N, C-alpha and C. Protein backbone atom coordinates (compact mmCIF):
# COMPACT_ATOMS: atom_id res chain seq x y z
N UNK A 1 92.59 134.73 52.21
CA UNK A 1 91.48 134.44 52.58
C UNK A 1 91.05 133.39 52.17
N UNK A 2 90.81 132.33 53.29
CA UNK A 2 90.32 130.73 52.54
C UNK A 2 88.48 131.09 52.48
N UNK A 3 88.24 129.73 51.63
CA UNK A 3 86.78 129.82 51.29
C UNK A 3 85.86 130.21 52.10
N UNK A 4 85.90 129.65 53.78
CA UNK A 4 85.04 129.21 54.11
C UNK A 4 85.02 130.79 55.18
N UNK A 5 86.18 131.78 54.97
CA UNK A 5 86.14 133.09 55.47
C UNK A 5 85.55 133.81 54.33
N UNK A 6 85.45 133.46 53.27
CA UNK A 6 84.60 133.97 52.38
C UNK A 6 82.82 133.93 52.01
N UNK A 7 82.91 132.78 52.63
CA UNK A 7 81.38 132.40 52.60
C UNK A 7 80.69 133.03 53.85
N UNK A 8 81.39 132.90 54.73
CA UNK A 8 80.96 133.46 56.10
C UNK A 8 80.84 135.31 55.74
N UNK A 9 81.49 136.01 55.31
CA UNK A 9 81.86 137.04 54.99
C UNK A 9 79.99 137.64 53.93
N UNK A 10 79.82 136.46 53.08
CA UNK A 10 78.46 136.64 52.46
C UNK A 10 77.30 136.14 53.28
N UNK A 11 77.79 135.34 54.03
CA UNK A 11 76.57 135.27 55.17
C UNK A 11 75.98 136.46 55.69
N UNK A 12 77.44 137.34 56.17
CA UNK A 12 77.38 138.09 57.20
C UNK A 12 76.35 139.53 56.45
N UNK A 13 75.97 138.96 55.47
CA UNK A 13 75.46 140.44 54.73
C UNK A 13 74.16 140.03 54.81
N UNK A 14 73.47 138.84 55.41
CA UNK A 14 72.27 138.34 55.11
C UNK A 14 72.02 137.96 56.41
N UNK A 15 73.01 137.83 57.40
CA UNK A 15 72.27 137.04 59.06
C UNK A 15 71.64 138.26 60.09
N UNK A 16 71.27 139.92 59.30
CA UNK A 16 70.58 140.56 60.08
C UNK A 16 69.27 140.12 59.72
N UNK A 17 68.81 140.04 58.55
CA UNK A 17 67.86 139.74 58.16
C UNK A 17 67.10 138.62 59.14
N UNK A 18 67.99 137.57 58.94
CA UNK A 18 67.36 135.92 59.66
C UNK A 18 67.55 136.33 60.93
N UNK A 19 68.59 137.17 62.04
CA UNK A 19 68.53 137.36 63.05
C UNK A 19 66.95 138.00 63.30
N UNK A 20 66.95 139.04 63.13
CA UNK A 20 65.73 140.01 62.98
C UNK A 20 64.05 139.27 62.90
N UNK A 21 63.90 138.26 62.81
CA UNK A 21 63.10 136.68 62.25
C UNK A 21 63.32 135.99 63.33
N UNK A 22 64.33 135.87 64.12
CA UNK A 22 64.47 134.82 65.15
C UNK A 22 65.52 133.79 65.02
N UNK A 23 66.02 133.89 63.75
CA UNK A 23 67.12 132.67 62.97
C UNK A 23 68.41 133.16 62.69
N UNK A 24 68.83 132.05 61.95
CA UNK A 24 70.25 131.95 61.61
C UNK A 24 70.51 131.19 60.79
N UNK A 25 71.64 131.01 60.49
CA UNK A 25 72.43 130.24 59.65
C UNK A 25 73.85 130.02 60.11
N UNK A 26 74.67 128.74 60.09
CA UNK A 26 76.25 128.24 60.02
C UNK A 26 76.52 127.24 58.85
N UNK A 27 77.49 127.45 58.48
CA UNK A 27 78.35 126.58 57.89
C UNK A 27 78.51 125.33 58.93
N UNK A 28 77.87 124.21 58.27
CA UNK A 28 78.03 123.17 58.61
C UNK A 28 79.84 122.45 58.32
N UNK A 29 79.89 122.67 56.28
CA UNK A 29 80.98 122.04 56.09
C UNK A 29 80.73 122.77 54.52
N UNK A 30 81.91 122.67 53.89
CA UNK A 30 81.79 123.08 52.23
C UNK A 30 82.76 121.97 51.70
N UNK A 31 82.20 121.16 50.78
CA UNK A 31 82.76 120.14 50.35
C UNK A 31 84.11 120.08 49.50
N UNK A 32 84.77 119.21 48.75
CA UNK A 32 85.75 119.34 48.01
C UNK A 32 84.94 120.02 46.92
N UNK A 33 84.43 119.21 46.37
CA UNK A 33 83.60 120.40 45.68
C UNK A 33 82.80 120.84 45.53
N UNK A 34 83.09 121.93 46.45
CA UNK A 34 82.79 123.01 46.08
C UNK A 34 80.85 123.19 46.65
N UNK A 35 80.34 122.74 47.32
CA UNK A 35 79.62 122.56 47.39
C UNK A 35 79.36 122.72 49.37
N UNK A 36 78.55 124.01 49.65
CA UNK A 36 78.29 124.67 51.41
C UNK A 36 76.92 124.08 51.63
N UNK A 37 77.52 123.14 52.49
CA UNK A 37 76.02 122.38 53.28
C UNK A 37 76.28 123.56 54.57
N UNK A 38 74.72 124.26 55.10
CA UNK A 38 74.45 124.97 55.85
C UNK A 38 73.19 124.45 56.70
N UNK A 39 73.05 124.97 57.91
CA UNK A 39 72.20 124.46 58.88
C UNK A 39 72.02 125.54 59.01
N UNK A 40 70.21 125.67 58.82
CA UNK A 40 69.82 126.86 59.43
C UNK A 40 69.16 126.76 60.81
N UNK A 41 69.03 127.90 61.77
CA UNK A 41 69.10 127.67 62.94
C UNK A 41 68.08 128.26 63.38
N UNK A 42 67.44 128.57 65.06
CA UNK A 42 66.26 128.93 65.30
C UNK A 42 65.02 128.85 64.29
N UNK A 43 64.25 130.30 64.43
CA UNK A 43 63.14 129.91 63.47
C UNK A 43 63.09 129.42 62.26
N UNK A 44 64.81 130.02 61.70
CA UNK A 44 64.43 129.33 60.33
C UNK A 44 64.18 128.12 60.05
N UNK A 45 65.08 127.36 61.33
CA UNK A 45 64.70 125.81 60.96
C UNK A 45 63.65 125.02 60.68
N UNK A 46 62.79 126.07 60.96
CA UNK A 46 61.37 125.43 61.38
C UNK A 46 59.95 126.28 60.29
N UNK A 47 60.74 127.34 60.32
CA UNK A 47 60.00 128.15 59.02
C UNK A 47 59.83 127.46 57.26
N UNK A 48 58.26 127.65 57.14
CA UNK A 48 57.51 127.17 55.98
C UNK A 48 58.39 127.62 54.83
N UNK A 49 58.84 129.04 55.20
CA UNK A 49 59.49 129.81 54.07
C UNK A 49 60.84 129.56 53.71
N UNK A 50 61.63 128.52 54.53
CA UNK A 50 62.87 128.68 55.05
C UNK A 50 63.36 127.93 52.71
N UNK A 51 62.77 126.91 52.74
CA UNK A 51 63.65 126.75 51.22
C UNK A 51 63.94 128.10 50.53
N UNK A 52 62.84 128.92 50.31
CA UNK A 52 62.78 130.12 49.61
C UNK A 52 63.93 130.89 50.36
N UNK A 53 64.07 131.22 51.95
CA UNK A 53 64.69 131.72 52.11
C UNK A 53 66.73 131.49 51.73
N UNK A 54 66.48 130.25 51.59
CA UNK A 54 68.09 129.58 51.18
C UNK A 54 68.19 129.61 49.74
N UNK A 55 67.03 129.89 48.77
CA UNK A 55 67.63 129.91 47.10
C UNK A 55 67.21 131.36 46.93
N UNK A 56 66.87 132.13 47.79
CA UNK A 56 66.35 133.57 47.20
C UNK A 56 67.71 134.23 47.87
N UNK A 57 67.66 133.96 49.18
CA UNK A 57 68.64 134.81 49.68
C UNK A 57 70.02 134.49 49.93
N UNK A 58 70.21 133.22 50.69
CA UNK A 58 71.01 132.26 51.45
C UNK A 58 72.14 132.10 50.08
N UNK A 59 71.36 131.52 49.52
CA UNK A 59 72.17 131.02 48.33
C UNK A 59 73.09 131.79 47.07
N UNK A 60 72.03 132.67 46.53
CA UNK A 60 73.02 133.76 46.28
C UNK A 60 73.36 135.23 46.33
N UNK A 61 73.40 135.15 47.70
CA UNK A 61 74.36 136.28 48.18
C UNK A 61 75.76 135.49 48.30
N UNK A 62 75.73 133.95 48.82
CA UNK A 62 77.24 133.17 48.60
C UNK A 62 77.51 132.77 47.67
N UNK A 63 76.89 132.39 46.29
CA UNK A 63 76.91 132.52 44.71
C UNK A 63 77.72 133.84 44.09
N UNK A 64 77.31 134.99 44.56
CA UNK A 64 77.60 136.30 43.86
C UNK A 64 78.61 136.45 44.83
N UNK A 65 79.08 136.36 46.10
CA UNK A 65 80.62 136.53 46.43
C UNK A 65 81.41 135.74 46.45
N UNK A 66 81.15 134.64 46.52
CA UNK A 66 82.16 133.40 46.06
C UNK A 66 81.64 132.48 44.58
N UNK A 67 82.41 132.71 43.95
CA UNK A 67 81.52 132.49 42.35
C UNK A 67 82.38 130.89 41.98
N UNK A 68 83.10 130.40 42.90
CA UNK A 68 83.73 129.19 42.90
C UNK A 68 83.04 128.16 43.54
N UNK A 69 81.94 128.45 44.40
CA UNK A 69 80.81 127.52 45.00
C UNK A 69 79.96 127.54 44.00
N UNK A 70 79.63 126.00 43.70
CA UNK A 70 78.42 125.19 42.63
C UNK A 70 77.66 125.47 43.56
N UNK A 71 76.65 124.98 44.25
CA UNK A 71 75.94 124.94 45.20
C UNK A 71 75.57 124.88 46.92
N UNK A 72 74.90 125.30 47.09
CA UNK A 72 74.58 125.65 48.79
C UNK A 72 73.25 124.56 48.74
N UNK A 73 73.24 123.82 50.03
CA UNK A 73 72.68 123.15 50.37
C UNK A 73 72.10 123.09 52.10
N UNK A 74 70.84 122.76 52.43
CA UNK A 74 70.69 123.15 54.22
C UNK A 74 70.73 121.61 54.48
N UNK A 75 71.12 121.27 55.34
CA UNK A 75 71.29 120.10 56.46
C UNK A 75 70.57 120.22 57.20
N UNK A 76 69.47 119.20 57.67
CA UNK A 76 68.38 119.21 58.17
C UNK A 76 68.61 119.07 59.66
N UNK A 77 68.26 119.30 60.09
CA UNK A 77 68.11 119.55 62.39
C UNK A 77 67.24 118.15 61.99
N UNK A 78 68.47 117.30 62.84
CA UNK A 78 67.53 115.82 63.88
C UNK A 78 66.66 116.43 64.92
N UNK A 79 65.63 115.91 64.82
CA UNK A 79 64.40 115.98 66.03
C UNK A 79 64.66 115.24 67.18
């Protein structure tokens, strides 16, 4: 299983909570130095708590499931 598939599996553990709040998350890219760049979608993109969702929920889920990932970043949506 490649790195993207591993990260997707980790995201599947948290996605139901995001979807329940009208949001979602998508992998934008995984850099060569193992940084996952994610785009928050739907309500998650404009939520004031999105930073906490990213750090406390999404980042923890990914880094626990895929230890070789060094960091998780959010990519802002251009408005």
